Protein backbone atom coordinates (compact mmCIF):
# COMPACT_ATOMS: atom_id res chain seq x y z
CA MET A 1 -53.81 4.30 -20.90
CA LYS A 2 -50.24 5.47 -20.85
CA PHE A 3 -48.34 8.87 -21.74
CA ILE A 4 -47.46 8.90 -25.37
CA SER A 5 -44.25 7.08 -25.89
CA SER A 6 -44.03 5.71 -22.50
CA LYS A 7 -41.80 2.60 -22.28
CA ASP A 8 -41.81 -0.55 -20.40
CA LYS A 9 -38.56 0.34 -18.41
CA GLY A 10 -36.56 3.45 -17.86
CA ASP A 11 -35.22 5.63 -15.16
CA ILE A 12 -37.91 8.30 -14.98
CA PHE A 13 -41.41 7.56 -13.94
CA ILE A 14 -44.81 9.36 -14.20
CA PHE A 15 -47.73 8.72 -12.20
CA GLY A 16 -51.20 10.36 -11.52
CA VAL A 17 -52.83 11.30 -8.41
CA PRO A 18 -56.58 11.54 -9.21
CA TYR A 19 -57.63 13.75 -6.18
CA ASP A 20 -59.68 16.98 -5.54
CA ALA A 21 -61.01 16.42 -2.07
CA SER A 22 -59.12 19.62 -0.81
CA THR A 23 -60.31 21.84 -3.44
CA CYS A 24 -62.17 24.94 -2.09
CA PHE A 25 -64.12 26.19 -5.18
CA TYR A 26 -64.85 23.73 -8.15
CA PRO A 27 -64.08 20.09 -8.04
CA GLY A 28 -63.07 18.02 -10.86
CA THR A 29 -59.29 17.79 -10.85
CA ARG A 30 -59.44 14.08 -9.91
CA PHE A 31 -60.12 13.79 -13.85
CA GLY A 32 -56.96 15.51 -14.67
CA PRO A 33 -54.32 12.83 -15.00
CA ASN A 34 -56.14 10.81 -17.42
CA LYS A 35 -57.16 13.49 -19.63
CA ILE A 36 -53.67 14.93 -19.94
CA ARG A 37 -52.74 11.37 -20.84
CA GLU A 38 -55.63 11.38 -23.40
CA MET A 39 -54.54 14.55 -25.06
CA SER A 40 -51.02 13.52 -25.18
CA TYR A 41 -52.11 11.05 -28.10
CA ASN A 42 -52.72 14.26 -30.16
CA LEU A 43 -49.02 15.36 -29.72
CA GLU A 44 -46.10 14.23 -32.03
CA THR A 45 -43.09 12.69 -30.08
CA PHE A 46 -40.93 15.11 -31.53
CA SER A 47 -40.29 18.46 -29.91
CA PRO A 48 -39.92 21.51 -31.89
CA ILE A 49 -38.42 23.36 -28.75
CA PHE A 50 -35.55 21.01 -27.97
CA PHE A 51 -35.41 19.15 -31.25
CA GLU A 52 -35.41 16.08 -29.64
CA ASP A 53 -37.77 12.87 -29.68
CA LEU A 54 -39.56 11.27 -26.83
CA GLU A 55 -38.64 7.82 -28.45
CA ASN A 56 -35.26 8.51 -27.05
CA ILE A 57 -36.39 9.09 -23.57
CA ASN A 58 -36.69 6.21 -21.28
CA PHE A 59 -39.51 6.77 -19.11
CA VAL A 60 -42.55 4.78 -17.63
CA ASP A 61 -46.01 5.75 -16.97
CA GLU A 62 -46.80 4.08 -13.68
CA LYS A 63 -50.55 5.17 -14.17
CA ASP A 64 -52.58 6.41 -11.18
CA LEU A 65 -52.74 5.74 -7.69
CA ASP A 66 -55.66 3.94 -6.46
CA ILE A 67 -57.23 6.56 -4.48
CA GLU A 68 -60.59 6.33 -2.89
CA LEU A 69 -62.41 9.13 -0.57
CA ILE A 70 -59.47 9.79 1.73
CA ASN A 71 -58.66 13.03 3.65
CA PRO A 72 -55.76 15.23 2.59
CA GLU A 73 -53.43 14.05 5.45
CA ASP A 74 -54.08 10.36 4.61
CA LEU A 75 -53.37 11.33 0.83
CA PHE A 76 -50.15 12.86 1.82
CA LYS A 77 -48.89 9.51 3.32
CA LYS A 78 -50.15 7.49 0.54
CA VAL A 79 -48.19 9.57 -2.09
CA TYR A 80 -45.19 9.66 0.09
CA GLU A 81 -44.96 5.96 0.57
CA PHE A 82 -45.64 5.31 -3.07
CA SER A 83 -43.14 7.79 -4.23
CA LYS A 84 -40.32 6.63 -1.76
CA SER A 85 -40.86 3.05 -3.01
CA LYS A 86 -40.60 4.14 -6.68
CA LEU A 87 -37.57 6.14 -6.16
CA LYS A 88 -35.51 3.24 -5.14
CA SER A 89 -35.69 2.06 -8.76
CA TYR A 90 -36.10 5.38 -10.59
CA ARG A 91 -33.85 8.36 -10.62
CA LYS A 92 -36.61 11.04 -11.11
CA GLY A 93 -40.18 11.48 -11.43
CA ILE A 94 -43.24 13.49 -12.61
CA LEU A 95 -46.59 13.83 -10.93
CA LEU A 96 -49.88 14.46 -12.47
CA GLY A 97 -52.40 15.90 -10.34
CA GLY A 98 -54.92 16.26 -8.89
CA ASP A 99 -55.26 19.25 -6.64
CA HIS A 100 -52.29 21.05 -5.38
CA SER A 101 -52.34 18.89 -2.17
CA SER A 102 -51.38 15.83 -4.59
CA PRO A 103 -47.61 16.53 -4.70
CA ILE A 104 -46.74 17.25 -1.00
CA GLY A 105 -45.70 13.63 -0.20
CA PHE A 106 -43.89 13.21 -3.61
CA ILE A 107 -41.77 16.40 -2.69
CA LYS A 108 -40.86 14.84 0.69
CA ALA A 109 -39.65 11.59 -0.98
CA ILE A 110 -37.75 13.58 -3.55
CA LYS A 111 -35.90 15.44 -0.73
CA GLU A 112 -35.00 12.25 0.94
CA LYS A 113 -33.43 11.08 -2.14
CA TYR A 114 -31.91 14.52 -3.14
CA GLU A 115 -30.94 16.29 0.12
CA ASP A 116 -29.79 19.55 -1.58
CA ILE A 117 -32.80 20.83 -3.24
CA LEU A 118 -34.69 24.03 -4.02
CA VAL A 119 -38.29 24.25 -5.06
CA ILE A 120 -39.47 26.52 -7.93
CA HIS A 121 -43.10 26.99 -7.52
CA PHE A 122 -45.31 28.41 -10.33
CA ASP A 123 -48.71 29.46 -9.12
CA ALA A 124 -51.47 32.30 -9.00
CA HIS A 125 -51.78 31.63 -5.32
CA ALA A 126 -49.16 31.57 -2.61
CA ASP A 127 -50.45 28.40 -0.98
CA LEU A 128 -48.67 29.55 2.32
CA ARG A 129 -51.79 29.10 4.63
CA ASP A 130 -51.12 27.03 7.57
CA ILE A 131 -54.64 25.74 7.75
CA TYR A 132 -57.56 26.01 5.41
CA LEU A 133 -60.95 24.52 5.66
CA ASN A 134 -59.80 22.67 8.74
CA SER A 135 -56.90 21.00 6.87
CA LYS A 136 -53.31 21.30 7.12
CA TYR A 137 -52.91 19.44 3.91
CA SER A 138 -55.38 21.72 1.85
CA HIS A 139 -54.24 22.68 -1.70
CA ALA A 140 -53.96 26.23 -0.17
CA CYS A 141 -51.35 24.94 2.19
CA PHE A 142 -49.00 23.33 -0.27
CA ALA A 143 -46.04 25.67 0.16
CA ARG A 144 -46.42 25.84 3.81
CA ARG A 145 -46.08 22.11 4.20
CA VAL A 146 -43.05 22.00 1.82
CA LEU A 147 -41.38 24.48 3.89
CA GLU A 148 -41.61 22.11 6.88
CA PHE A 149 -39.32 19.70 5.10
CA ASP A 150 -36.53 22.27 5.33
CA ILE A 151 -36.73 23.32 1.55
CA LYS A 152 -36.70 26.94 0.42
CA ILE A 153 -39.09 28.00 -1.99
CA LEU A 154 -38.70 30.50 -5.05
CA GLN A 155 -42.09 31.45 -6.28
CA PHE A 156 -43.24 32.99 -9.78
CA GLY A 157 -46.45 34.15 -10.93
CA ILE A 158 -48.19 34.51 -7.64
CA ARG A 159 -50.94 37.23 -7.73
CA SER A 160 -53.22 36.31 -4.97
CA PHE A 161 -52.69 35.93 -1.30
CA GLU A 162 -54.14 36.77 2.00
CA LYS A 163 -52.82 39.54 4.29
CA LYS A 164 -51.18 37.14 6.80
CA GLU A 165 -49.23 35.54 3.92
CA TYR A 166 -48.07 38.86 2.61
CA GLU A 167 -46.94 40.11 6.08
CA THR A 168 -45.16 36.72 6.87
CA PHE A 169 -43.39 36.10 3.57
CA TYR A 170 -43.37 38.92 1.36
CA LYS A 171 -43.48 42.30 3.14
CA ASP A 172 -40.22 44.23 3.31
CA ASN A 173 -38.34 41.35 1.26
CA LEU A 174 -35.90 43.58 -0.77
CA SER A 175 -34.46 40.91 -3.02
CA PHE A 176 -35.83 42.66 -6.13
CA GLU A 177 -33.20 45.50 -5.31
CA LEU A 178 -30.33 43.25 -4.24
CA ASP A 179 -27.74 41.18 -6.15
CA GLU A 180 -28.97 37.99 -4.59
CA PRO A 181 -32.20 36.45 -3.32
CA VAL A 182 -33.08 36.68 0.12
CA PHE A 183 -35.58 34.12 1.52
CA LYS A 184 -37.88 35.55 4.20
CA ASN A 185 -39.02 32.60 6.17
CA GLY A 186 -37.87 30.27 3.46
CA VAL A 187 -39.56 31.78 0.48
CA MET A 188 -38.58 34.23 -2.33
CA TYR A 189 -40.86 35.58 -5.03
CA ALA A 190 -39.38 36.65 -8.46
CA ARG A 191 -41.70 39.28 -10.11
CA ASP A 192 -40.55 38.79 -13.69
CA TRP A 193 -38.73 36.33 -16.05
CA GLU A 194 -35.22 38.12 -15.94
CA ILE A 195 -35.32 38.28 -12.12
CA LEU A 196 -36.20 34.70 -12.19
CA LYS A 197 -33.44 33.59 -14.26
CA LYS A 198 -31.07 36.07 -12.27
CA PHE A 199 -31.82 34.38 -9.16
CA LEU A 200 -31.26 31.00 -10.67
CA ASN A 201 -27.99 32.05 -11.96
CA ILE A 202 -26.95 32.66 -8.54
CA LEU A 203 -28.80 29.84 -6.72
CA LYS A 204 -27.44 27.05 -9.05
CA ALA A 205 -23.89 27.57 -7.52
CA LYS A 206 -25.47 26.75 -4.09
CA TYR A 207 -28.30 24.14 -5.16
CA LYS A 208 -27.39 20.99 -6.99
CA ASN A 209 -30.96 19.82 -7.55
CA PHE A 210 -34.23 21.98 -8.44
CA TYR A 211 -37.92 20.62 -8.29
CA ILE A 212 -40.57 22.32 -10.10
CA SER A 213 -44.28 22.58 -8.98
CA LEU A 214 -46.52 23.87 -11.68
CA ASP A 215 -50.12 24.95 -10.80
CA ILE A 216 -51.72 25.39 -14.16
CA ASP A 217 -53.52 28.55 -12.86
CA VAL A 218 -50.12 30.28 -13.19
CA PHE A 219 -51.04 30.78 -16.74
CA ASP A 220 -53.78 33.40 -17.70
CA PRO A 221 -57.27 32.07 -18.05
CA ALA A 222 -57.13 32.86 -21.67
CA PHE A 223 -54.51 30.21 -22.09
CA ALA A 224 -55.62 27.73 -19.36
CA PRO A 225 -59.32 28.08 -18.38
CA GLY A 226 -59.75 24.59 -17.27
CA THR A 227 -58.82 25.07 -13.59
CA GLY A 228 -61.01 25.54 -10.44
CA THR A 229 -59.57 28.77 -9.17
CA PRO A 230 -58.54 30.97 -12.11
CA GLU A 231 -56.84 34.34 -11.69
CA ALA A 232 -56.66 36.87 -14.40
CA GLY A 233 -53.10 38.36 -15.12
CA GLY A 234 -51.09 35.27 -15.50
CA ILE A 235 -48.10 34.28 -17.60
CA ASN A 236 -48.40 32.97 -21.30
CA PRO A 237 -47.09 29.44 -22.56
CA ILE A 238 -44.41 30.90 -24.97
CA ASP A 239 -42.63 32.41 -22.19
CA PHE A 240 -42.91 29.39 -19.97
CA PHE A 241 -41.47 27.22 -22.84
CA ASN A 242 -38.65 29.52 -23.39
CA PHE A 243 -38.01 29.31 -19.56
CA LEU A 244 -37.76 25.55 -20.18
CA LYS A 245 -35.08 26.15 -22.90
CA TYR A 246 -33.07 28.32 -20.41
CA LEU A 247 -33.20 25.54 -17.77
CA LYS A 248 -31.64 23.05 -20.35
CA GLU A 249 -29.13 25.47 -21.61
CA GLU A 250 -27.96 26.37 -18.10
CA LYS A 251 -27.81 22.83 -17.20
CA ILE A 252 -29.99 23.22 -14.05
CA ASN A 253 -30.63 19.79 -12.69
CA ILE A 254 -34.34 19.15 -12.29
CA VAL A 255 -34.93 16.03 -10.44
CA GLY A 256 -38.87 16.13 -10.09
CA PHE A 257 -41.76 17.95 -11.38
CA ASP A 258 -45.59 17.95 -10.74
CA LEU A 259 -48.26 19.62 -12.74
CA VAL A 260 -51.74 20.16 -10.77
CA GLU A 261 -55.04 21.58 -10.93
CA VAL A 262 -56.13 20.78 -14.37
CA ASN A 263 -59.92 20.44 -14.32
CA PRO A 264 -61.43 18.80 -17.45
CA LEU A 265 -64.93 19.79 -16.31
CA LEU A 266 -63.94 23.32 -16.86
CA ASP A 267 -62.01 23.06 -19.92
CA PRO A 268 -63.76 24.08 -23.13
CA SER A 269 -62.12 22.24 -26.32
CA ASN A 270 -59.67 20.52 -23.75
CA ILE A 271 -57.30 23.39 -24.36
CA THR A 272 -55.94 23.38 -20.74
CA SER A 273 -55.38 19.53 -20.75
CA ALA A 274 -53.55 19.94 -24.24
CA LEU A 275 -51.27 22.66 -22.86
CA ALA A 276 -50.62 20.44 -19.68
CA SER A 277 -49.68 17.42 -22.09
CA LYS A 278 -47.33 19.62 -23.90
CA ILE A 279 -45.49 20.78 -21.06
CA ILE A 280 -45.06 17.16 -19.65
CA ARG A 281 -43.63 16.42 -23.18
CA GLU A 282 -41.08 19.17 -23.04
CA VAL A 283 -40.09 18.70 -19.37
CA LEU A 284 -39.29 15.02 -20.10
CA PHE A 285 -36.23 16.52 -22.29
CA LEU A 286 -34.87 18.33 -19.09
CA PHE A 287 -34.25 14.90 -17.32
């Protein structure tokens, strides 16, 4: 099964990482990539947000990585090697997760192709732990591992973190009151949409390339209940789609994207998977 309007050739690739071995609550994200593809067949190819058609976008669905029961560190290596190989022939890529350990290797490969890069991280959770459940590649360590690639991270939607994460990355960071973002130990958190846009208007002069990592639990569970670690108080889809319009209008160069933590086993009426599928459709117009 391929994502709607996937071509036989192009310069953008989509691939799935059906993995949930690092989840800490409800497993099931290994079924996410194929369910997102399935729900794409309920979508029109025409976008009412960008008034463009997917038929005019040249992208290829490379399907899922063949993943058996491997530990998160081995997953990182496998995703990295696959991504590095594909980025020799494709310009940009989209990853369908899987839990949030899935894209760590992908981001490393993207960084090696595009040196000048900033990650925009949408999530309910900080994911800044150094180790969790005896693994440095747990989905709770996603952002911490990305920082080790010498990449700065601009976070949005975070509303759950441990005390150590707060003290190390958030406490005493006065960027909200300043005219420019200050990355404390490589991380900055924007607390509302206008601040996020203000920061990006400043940062686009410094960074040529941007990568977006989207954990579906950044949305309020009312809109995206199908995820293993839901957190009340999240964003709504309309605001996110308006943000995508802003990125296109401001010509912010998105070189990679991942969407993770969709759990079809917890998804009544497939509404979370449907939202994820629509997000992928709209993101393709940013490339």
